[in-house]
């Protein structure tokens, strides 16, 4: 009888642990996440996919805040299996993350934009005998969140979106917005447009979309730093989401996972007959048409911001984990390969949908797995 009670208790604890891991996928905290023994999740969260090998010690990483919710879920499951490893991920933003990695401060970086040619050149000083490479790991829609009293559904096209964020359309009852939303009761309310204050791959992808679809209304070159005049700024995706939630008339851009807490999102007008909604499934449709443009082991992608498939949501991003293909530090290489191997695994990718992210298409993620196995 005692043995039966112990078994029942162990089973109950296992169920609670898995539930805790799933709950974290919806967490929007920007606090650093620790793996290792701090996590209460058992290896059962991802059966058979976590291979610890010789992994041990602390793994420092930083960068994209877009993938923070995914990292939370991954480190919880990984820490439960690999008790000797602690993953410390700091969501400093893509620009800061790449800089820290190139300065040798972290084992890998997260970035929502692939490395620039000059950054790859610079990485040869860090990666002895090799270079830094981009490994696409997390996909998903960039949601355009809004807070307009009395408006639950909103459609915008690229030109109108560009004019809003460039300060050319300043009121919610503007004729351009009315034309796209004839049934909405748009108030006479000032638009409060928020953008990232820090360098961000989310900003880079958001402006790439505007450049590709509304170039005449978005006269900027793009990049991780915000270039348009006016508007207001906030730190990180969580900061933008918080501003939208608390500011009447606000609009901003951030990953769909940050809109999970009751923030309404814009439907984007495309070439299809109906506007595309910001969903994981619709983002996956668009990402599937991306092309690998990196050379060698680098798997940088060129996204398609003008998909023709019905429902395909065109405003997407892919977050890359940036590592050295050769010349990784011997002390952290086993942990890097173990952790990234899990995130790229079938079980690791399955974690993404529950956190409002899109798994990387099979054809691409299979190449990522092979590349991770060959890191040295």
Protein backbone atom coordinates (compact mmCIF):
# COMPACT_ATOMS: atom_id res chain seq x y z
CA UNK A 1 0.00 0.00 0.00
CA UNK A 2 2.83 2.41 0.84
CA UNK A 3 4.38 1.72 -2.57
CA UNK A 4 1.07 2.40 -4.30
CA UNK A 5 0.70 5.71 -2.44
CA UNK A 6 4.24 6.69 -3.43
CA UNK A 7 3.54 5.87 -7.07
CA UNK A 8 0.33 7.90 -7.05
CA UNK A 9 2.15 10.82 -5.44
CA UNK A 10 4.98 10.64 -8.02
CA UNK A 11 2.47 10.61 -10.86
CA UNK A 12 0.66 13.65 -9.44
CA UNK A 13 3.92 15.56 -9.11
CA UNK A 14 4.80 14.71 -12.69
CA UNK A 15 1.47 16.05 -13.93
CA UNK A 16 1.98 19.26 -11.94
CA UNK A 17 5.47 19.68 -13.37
CA UNK A 18 4.31 19.36 -16.96
CA UNK A 19 1.44 21.77 -16.26
CA UNK A 20 3.99 24.25 -14.88
CA UNK A 21 6.05 24.03 -18.04
CA UNK A 22 3.01 24.67 -20.20
CA UNK A 23 1.97 27.62 -18.05
CA UNK A 24 5.36 29.23 -18.59
CA UNK A 25 4.82 29.28 -22.32
CA UNK A 26 2.25 32.01 -21.79
CA UNK A 27 4.45 34.00 -19.40
CA UNK A 28 5.52 37.42 -20.60
CA UNK A 29 8.07 38.11 -17.85
CA UNK A 30 11.31 39.79 -18.83
CA UNK A 31 13.09 38.44 -15.77
CA UNK A 32 16.10 36.28 -16.49
CA UNK A 33 15.25 32.62 -16.77
CA UNK A 34 17.33 30.00 -15.04
CA UNK A 35 17.46 26.37 -15.98
CA UNK A 36 19.23 23.80 -13.85
CA UNK A 37 17.93 22.50 -10.57
CA UNK A 38 15.79 25.61 -10.02
CA UNK A 39 13.26 24.26 -12.46
CA UNK A 40 10.59 21.95 -11.15
CA UNK A 41 9.97 20.30 -14.52
CA UNK A 42 10.85 16.67 -15.03
CA UNK A 43 12.38 15.23 -18.16
CA UNK A 44 8.92 13.91 -19.00
CA UNK A 45 8.09 17.41 -20.37
CA UNK A 46 9.94 16.44 -23.53
CA UNK A 47 10.43 12.65 -23.59
CA UNK A 48 13.50 11.37 -25.37
CA UNK A 49 14.46 14.69 -26.93
CA UNK A 50 16.83 16.08 -24.28
CA UNK A 51 20.29 14.54 -24.43
CA UNK A 52 22.48 16.03 -21.70
CA UNK A 53 25.73 14.33 -22.65
CA UNK A 54 28.67 16.15 -21.03
CA UNK A 55 26.70 19.39 -20.57
CA UNK A 56 27.37 21.14 -17.27
CA UNK A 57 27.76 24.55 -15.68
CA UNK A 58 26.10 27.88 -16.47
CA UNK A 59 25.28 28.94 -20.02
CA UNK A 60 25.06 32.71 -20.53
CA UNK A 61 23.04 33.98 -23.48
CA UNK A 62 21.22 37.18 -24.38
CA UNK A 63 19.43 38.99 -27.17
CA UNK A 64 15.98 38.90 -28.72
CA UNK A 65 13.12 39.64 -26.35
CA UNK A 66 10.82 38.23 -29.03
CA UNK A 67 11.79 34.66 -28.14
CA UNK A 68 11.83 35.15 -24.36
CA UNK A 69 8.57 33.26 -23.77
CA UNK A 70 9.85 30.34 -25.84
CA UNK A 71 13.15 30.36 -23.95
CA UNK A 72 11.20 30.23 -20.67
CA UNK A 73 9.43 27.04 -21.73
CA UNK A 74 12.58 25.45 -23.12
CA UNK A 75 14.77 26.16 -20.10
CA UNK A 76 12.13 24.78 -17.76
CA UNK A 77 12.00 21.45 -19.59
CA UNK A 78 15.75 21.34 -20.20
CA UNK A 79 16.63 22.19 -16.61
CA UNK A 80 14.48 19.35 -15.35
CA UNK A 81 16.40 16.85 -17.45
CA UNK A 82 19.94 18.25 -17.24
CA UNK A 83 20.36 19.04 -13.56
CA UNK A 84 23.99 20.11 -13.99
CA UNK A 85 23.22 22.95 -16.40
CA UNK A 86 21.69 26.36 -15.78
CA UNK A 87 20.59 28.48 -18.76
CA UNK A 88 20.67 32.23 -18.09
CA UNK A 89 19.02 34.15 -20.93
CA UNK A 90 18.83 37.95 -20.74
CA UNK A 91 16.29 39.54 -23.18
CA UNK A 92 18.37 42.64 -23.90
CA UNK A 93 17.20 42.99 -27.51
CA UNK A 94 18.73 41.65 -30.72
CA UNK A 95 21.29 44.41 -31.19
CA UNK A 96 22.68 44.16 -27.68
CA UNK A 97 22.65 40.39 -27.83
CA UNK A 98 24.74 40.25 -31.01
CA UNK A 99 27.19 42.79 -29.56
CA UNK A 100 27.61 40.79 -26.35
CA UNK A 101 28.19 37.58 -28.31
CA UNK A 102 30.80 39.15 -30.60
CA UNK A 103 32.59 40.46 -27.51
CA UNK A 104 32.78 36.93 -26.11
CA UNK A 105 30.43 37.61 -23.20
CA UNK A 106 27.87 34.90 -24.07
CA UNK A 107 27.81 31.39 -25.49
CA UNK A 108 25.10 32.24 -28.01
CA UNK A 109 22.85 35.13 -28.95
CA UNK A 110 19.24 35.44 -30.03
CA UNK A 111 18.50 37.81 -32.91
CA UNK A 112 15.39 38.50 -34.96
CA UNK A 113 17.59 39.51 -37.90
CA UNK A 114 20.44 37.56 -39.49
CA UNK A 115 23.99 38.73 -39.01
CA UNK A 116 25.30 41.52 -41.23
CA UNK A 117 28.34 40.74 -43.44
CA UNK A 118 30.57 42.93 -41.27
CA UNK A 119 29.42 41.10 -38.14
CA UNK A 120 30.27 37.75 -39.71
CA UNK A 121 33.72 39.12 -40.58
CA UNK A 122 34.17 40.38 -37.02
CA UNK A 123 33.15 36.99 -35.62
CA UNK A 124 36.29 35.33 -37.04
CA UNK A 125 38.20 36.88 -34.13
CA UNK A 126 35.89 35.11 -31.69
CA UNK A 127 35.29 31.84 -33.54
CA UNK A 128 38.78 30.39 -33.92
CA UNK A 129 38.98 28.73 -37.34
CA UNK A 130 35.34 29.47 -38.09
CA UNK A 131 32.65 32.14 -38.03
CA UNK A 132 29.31 32.98 -36.46
CA UNK A 133 26.26 31.44 -38.12
CA UNK A 134 22.50 32.02 -38.00
CA UNK A 135 20.29 29.12 -36.92
CA UNK A 136 16.55 29.85 -37.41
CA UNK A 137 14.79 28.51 -34.31
CA UNK A 138 11.60 30.47 -33.59
CA UNK A 139 9.01 31.80 -36.02
CA UNK A 140 5.87 33.79 -35.55
CA UNK A 141 3.71 36.76 -36.37
CA UNK A 142 4.51 40.32 -35.39
CA UNK A 143 1.17 41.48 -34.09
CA UNK A 144 0.05 45.08 -34.39
CA UNK A 145 -1.71 45.66 -31.10
CA UNK A 146 -4.18 48.50 -30.56
CA UNK A 147 -6.24 50.05 -27.78
CA UNK A 148 -9.16 52.01 -29.24
CA UNK A 149 -12.22 52.29 -26.98
CA UNK A 150 -15.30 50.77 -28.59
CA UNK A 151 -13.34 49.08 -31.40
CA UNK A 152 -12.85 45.32 -31.17
CA UNK A 153 -11.84 44.61 -34.76
CA UNK A 154 -9.56 46.70 -36.97
CA UNK A 155 -8.25 46.26 -40.52
CA UNK A 156 -5.25 48.21 -41.82
CA UNK A 157 -3.33 48.08 -45.09
CA UNK A 158 0.44 48.67 -45.43
CA UNK A 159 0.12 52.27 -46.62
CA UNK A 160 -2.15 53.30 -43.74
CA UNK A 161 0.03 51.46 -41.23
CA UNK A 162 3.12 53.25 -42.56
CA UNK A 163 1.44 56.66 -42.33
CA UNK A 164 0.34 55.98 -38.76
CA UNK A 165 3.85 55.11 -37.59
CA UNK A 166 5.37 57.99 -39.57
CA UNK A 167 3.05 60.51 -37.97
CA UNK A 168 1.14 61.29 -41.18
CA UNK A 169 -2.15 59.89 -39.82
CA UNK A 170 -2.70 61.16 -36.28
CA UNK A 171 -6.35 60.49 -35.38
CA UNK A 172 -8.35 57.28 -35.19
CA UNK A 173 -11.29 58.69 -37.17
CA UNK A 174 -9.06 59.54 -40.14
CA UNK A 175 -10.73 58.92 -43.51
CA UNK A 176 -8.14 56.31 -44.52
CA UNK A 177 -8.93 54.22 -41.45
CA UNK A 178 -12.67 54.74 -41.90
CA UNK A 179 -12.50 53.47 -45.48
CA UNK A 180 -10.90 50.22 -44.33
CA UNK A 181 -13.32 49.84 -41.41
CA UNK A 182 -16.75 51.09 -42.59
CA UNK A 183 -18.64 49.31 -39.81
CA UNK A 184 -16.40 50.38 -36.92
CA UNK A 185 -17.33 53.24 -34.59
CA UNK A 186 -13.98 55.01 -34.75
CA UNK A 187 -13.63 57.70 -32.05
CA UNK A 188 -12.24 61.22 -32.40
CA UNK A 189 -9.12 60.17 -30.52
CA UNK A 190 -5.42 60.92 -30.98
CA UNK A 191 -3.28 58.01 -32.13
CA UNK A 192 -0.48 57.13 -29.71
CA UNK A 193 2.08 55.18 -31.77
CA UNK A 194 4.79 53.39 -29.80
CA UNK A 195 8.08 51.99 -31.14
CA UNK A 196 11.11 50.27 -29.61
CA UNK A 197 13.66 52.46 -27.83
CA UNK A 198 16.34 49.76 -28.07
CA UNK A 199 17.84 48.20 -31.18
CA UNK A 200 15.50 45.38 -32.11
CA UNK A 201 15.15 42.68 -34.71
CA UNK A 202 11.40 43.10 -34.31
CA UNK A 203 11.76 46.70 -35.47
CA UNK A 204 13.96 45.51 -38.33
CA UNK A 205 11.34 43.01 -39.51
CA UNK A 206 8.44 45.42 -38.99
CA UNK A 207 10.11 48.10 -41.12
CA UNK A 208 11.23 45.55 -43.73
CA UNK A 209 7.55 44.74 -44.16
CA UNK A 210 6.70 48.42 -44.63
CA UNK A 211 9.57 48.88 -47.10
CA UNK A 212 8.47 45.84 -49.10
CA UNK A 213 4.77 46.73 -49.19
CA UNK A 214 4.51 50.53 -48.82
CA UNK A 215 7.83 51.98 -49.93
CA UNK A 216 6.37 55.31 -51.10
CA UNK A 217 4.85 55.85 -47.66
CA UNK A 218 7.86 54.62 -45.68
CA UNK A 219 10.94 56.56 -46.91
CA UNK A 220 13.46 54.90 -44.59
CA UNK A 221 16.24 52.36 -45.10
CA UNK A 222 15.23 50.12 -42.20
CA UNK A 223 17.33 48.41 -39.57
CA UNK A 224 17.24 47.49 -35.89
CA UNK A 225 17.12 51.14 -34.76
CA UNK A 226 13.88 53.11 -35.22
CA UNK A 227 14.31 55.79 -37.90
CA UNK A 228 10.94 57.55 -38.26
CA UNK A 229 10.34 60.84 -36.47
CA UNK A 230 7.82 61.36 -33.70
CA UNK A 231 5.91 58.74 -31.82
CA UNK A 232 6.77 57.40 -28.37
CA UNK A 233 9.16 54.65 -27.34
CA UNK A 234 9.45 51.84 -24.81
CA UNK A 235 12.02 49.18 -23.95
CA UNK A 236 11.52 45.65 -25.26
CA UNK A 237 8.45 43.90 -26.59
CA UNK A 238 6.98 43.66 -23.10
CA UNK A 239 7.36 47.41 -22.68
CA UNK A 240 5.47 48.10 -25.90
CA UNK A 241 2.70 45.67 -24.98
CA UNK A 242 2.33 47.31 -21.58
CA UNK A 243 2.02 50.76 -23.17
CA UNK A 244 -0.71 49.55 -25.52
CA UNK A 245 -2.60 47.93 -22.68
CA UNK A 246 -2.58 51.03 -20.48
CA UNK A 247 -2.78 53.85 -23.07
CA UNK A 248 -6.07 54.83 -24.74
CA UNK A 249 -5.49 55.34 -28.47
CA UNK A 250 -2.27 53.34 -28.50
CA UNK A 251 -0.89 51.18 -31.31
CA UNK A 252 2.38 49.27 -31.48
CA UNK A 253 4.10 46.14 -32.79
CA UNK A 254 5.34 43.08 -30.90
CA UNK A 255 5.30 39.31 -31.09
CA UNK A 256 1.89 37.67 -30.79
CA UNK A 257 2.79 36.06 -27.46
CA UNK A 258 2.89 39.53 -25.88
CA UNK A 259 -0.70 40.16 -26.99
CA UNK A 260 -1.97 37.13 -25.09
CA UNK A 261 -3.09 39.24 -22.14
CA UNK A 262 -6.20 40.72 -23.75
CA UNK A 263 -4.61 43.03 -26.33
CA UNK A 264 -6.56 43.27 -29.61
CA UNK A 265 -4.60 42.88 -32.84
CA UNK A 266 -4.95 44.33 -36.33
CA UNK A 267 -5.97 42.24 -39.35
CA UNK A 268 -3.72 43.08 -42.30
CA UNK A 269 -5.11 43.69 -45.77
CA UNK A 270 -3.22 41.67 -48.37
CA UNK A 271 -3.77 40.65 -51.97
CA UNK A 272 -6.16 37.94 -50.80
CA UNK A 273 -9.91 38.46 -50.71
CA UNK A 274 -10.04 38.72 -46.91
CA UNK A 275 -7.61 40.36 -44.46
CA UNK A 276 -5.11 38.09 -42.71
CA UNK A 277 -5.33 37.60 -38.97
CA UNK A 278 -2.27 37.43 -36.75
CA UNK A 279 -2.25 33.74 -35.84
CA UNK A 280 0.46 31.11 -35.54
CA UNK A 281 -1.08 29.08 -38.37
CA UNK A 282 -1.24 32.08 -40.71
CA UNK A 283 2.36 33.03 -39.91
CA UNK A 284 3.51 29.49 -40.68
CA UNK A 285 1.90 29.79 -44.12
CA UNK A 286 4.03 32.85 -44.83
CA UNK A 287 7.29 31.53 -43.33
CA UNK A 288 7.02 28.35 -45.40
CA UNK A 289 7.74 30.48 -48.48
CA UNK A 290 11.01 31.86 -47.04
CA UNK A 291 14.27 31.11 -48.85
CA UNK A 292 17.64 30.16 -47.33
CA UNK A 293 20.12 32.85 -48.37
CA UNK A 294 23.02 32.01 -46.05
CA UNK A 295 26.06 30.19 -47.37
CA UNK A 296 27.82 27.16 -45.93
CA UNK A 297 26.45 26.34 -42.49
CA UNK A 298 24.75 29.72 -42.17
CA UNK A 299 20.98 29.33 -42.51
CA UNK A 300 19.84 32.96 -42.76
CA UNK A 301 16.44 33.30 -44.42
CA UNK A 302 14.84 35.82 -46.74
CA UNK A 303 11.22 36.21 -45.66
CA UNK A 304 8.37 36.75 -48.08
CA UNK A 305 6.45 39.86 -46.96
CA UNK A 306 3.99 39.64 -49.84
CA UNK A 307 2.63 36.08 -49.77
CA UNK A 308 -0.24 35.29 -52.11
CA UNK A 309 -1.75 32.36 -50.22
CA UNK A 310 -5.15 33.06 -48.67
CA UNK A 311 -4.84 33.69 -44.94
CA UNK A 312 -1.04 33.97 -44.99
CA UNK A 313 -0.09 36.65 -42.45
CA UNK A 314 2.68 38.69 -44.08
CA UNK A 315 4.18 40.45 -41.04
CA UNK A 316 6.37 37.71 -39.57
CA UNK A 317 9.79 37.26 -38.11
CA UNK A 318 12.23 34.44 -37.50
CA UNK A 319 14.50 34.48 -34.46
CA UNK A 320 17.97 33.02 -34.95
CA UNK A 321 20.28 31.50 -32.38
CA UNK A 322 23.77 32.77 -33.26
CA UNK A 323 26.75 30.54 -32.49
CA UNK A 324 30.22 29.81 -33.81
CA UNK A 325 30.33 26.95 -36.29
CA UNK A 326 33.88 26.28 -35.11
CA UNK A 327 35.94 27.61 -32.22
CA UNK A 328 33.29 27.47 -29.50
CA UNK A 329 34.66 27.50 -25.95
CA UNK A 330 35.33 23.97 -24.75
CA UNK A 331 33.73 24.67 -21.37
CA UNK A 332 30.35 25.61 -22.85
CA UNK A 333 30.21 23.69 -26.14
CA UNK A 334 28.54 20.54 -24.69
CA UNK A 335 25.80 22.64 -23.05
CA UNK A 336 25.28 24.72 -26.21
CA UNK A 337 24.87 21.62 -28.36
CA UNK A 338 22.63 19.93 -25.82
CA UNK A 339 20.32 22.89 -25.27
CA UNK A 340 20.07 24.01 -28.91
CA UNK A 341 19.71 20.39 -29.96
CA UNK A 342 16.62 20.17 -27.76
CA UNK A 343 15.13 23.49 -28.97
CA UNK A 344 15.47 22.33 -32.57
CA UNK A 345 14.06 18.87 -31.84
CA UNK A 346 10.52 17.87 -32.68
CA UNK A 347 9.53 18.10 -29.02
CA UNK A 348 11.21 21.47 -28.60
CA UNK A 349 9.46 22.90 -31.64
CA UNK A 350 6.12 21.58 -30.40
CA UNK A 351 6.49 23.82 -27.36
CA UNK A 352 6.25 26.89 -29.61
CA UNK A 353 2.60 26.71 -30.64
CA UNK A 354 1.41 26.84 -27.04
CA UNK A 355 3.31 30.12 -26.59
CA UNK A 356 1.89 31.75 -29.76
CA UNK A 357 4.99 31.08 -31.86
CA UNK A 358 5.29 29.24 -35.16
CA UNK A 359 7.56 26.19 -35.48
CA UNK A 360 10.23 26.41 -38.16
CA UNK A 361 9.16 24.45 -41.29
CA UNK A 362 10.51 20.87 -41.43
CA UNK A 363 12.73 21.43 -44.46
CA UNK A 364 14.61 24.20 -42.66
CA UNK A 365 14.69 22.87 -39.07
CA UNK A 366 16.14 19.55 -40.26
CA UNK A 367 19.16 21.48 -41.59
CA UNK A 368 19.41 23.29 -38.26
CA UNK A 369 19.57 19.98 -36.38
CA UNK A 370 22.36 18.69 -38.61
CA UNK A 371 24.32 21.91 -38.19
CA UNK A 372 24.02 21.82 -34.38
CA UNK A 373 25.36 18.26 -34.30
CA UNK A 374 28.47 19.45 -36.18
CA UNK A 375 29.31 22.44 -33.97
CA UNK A 376 32.87 22.31 -32.65
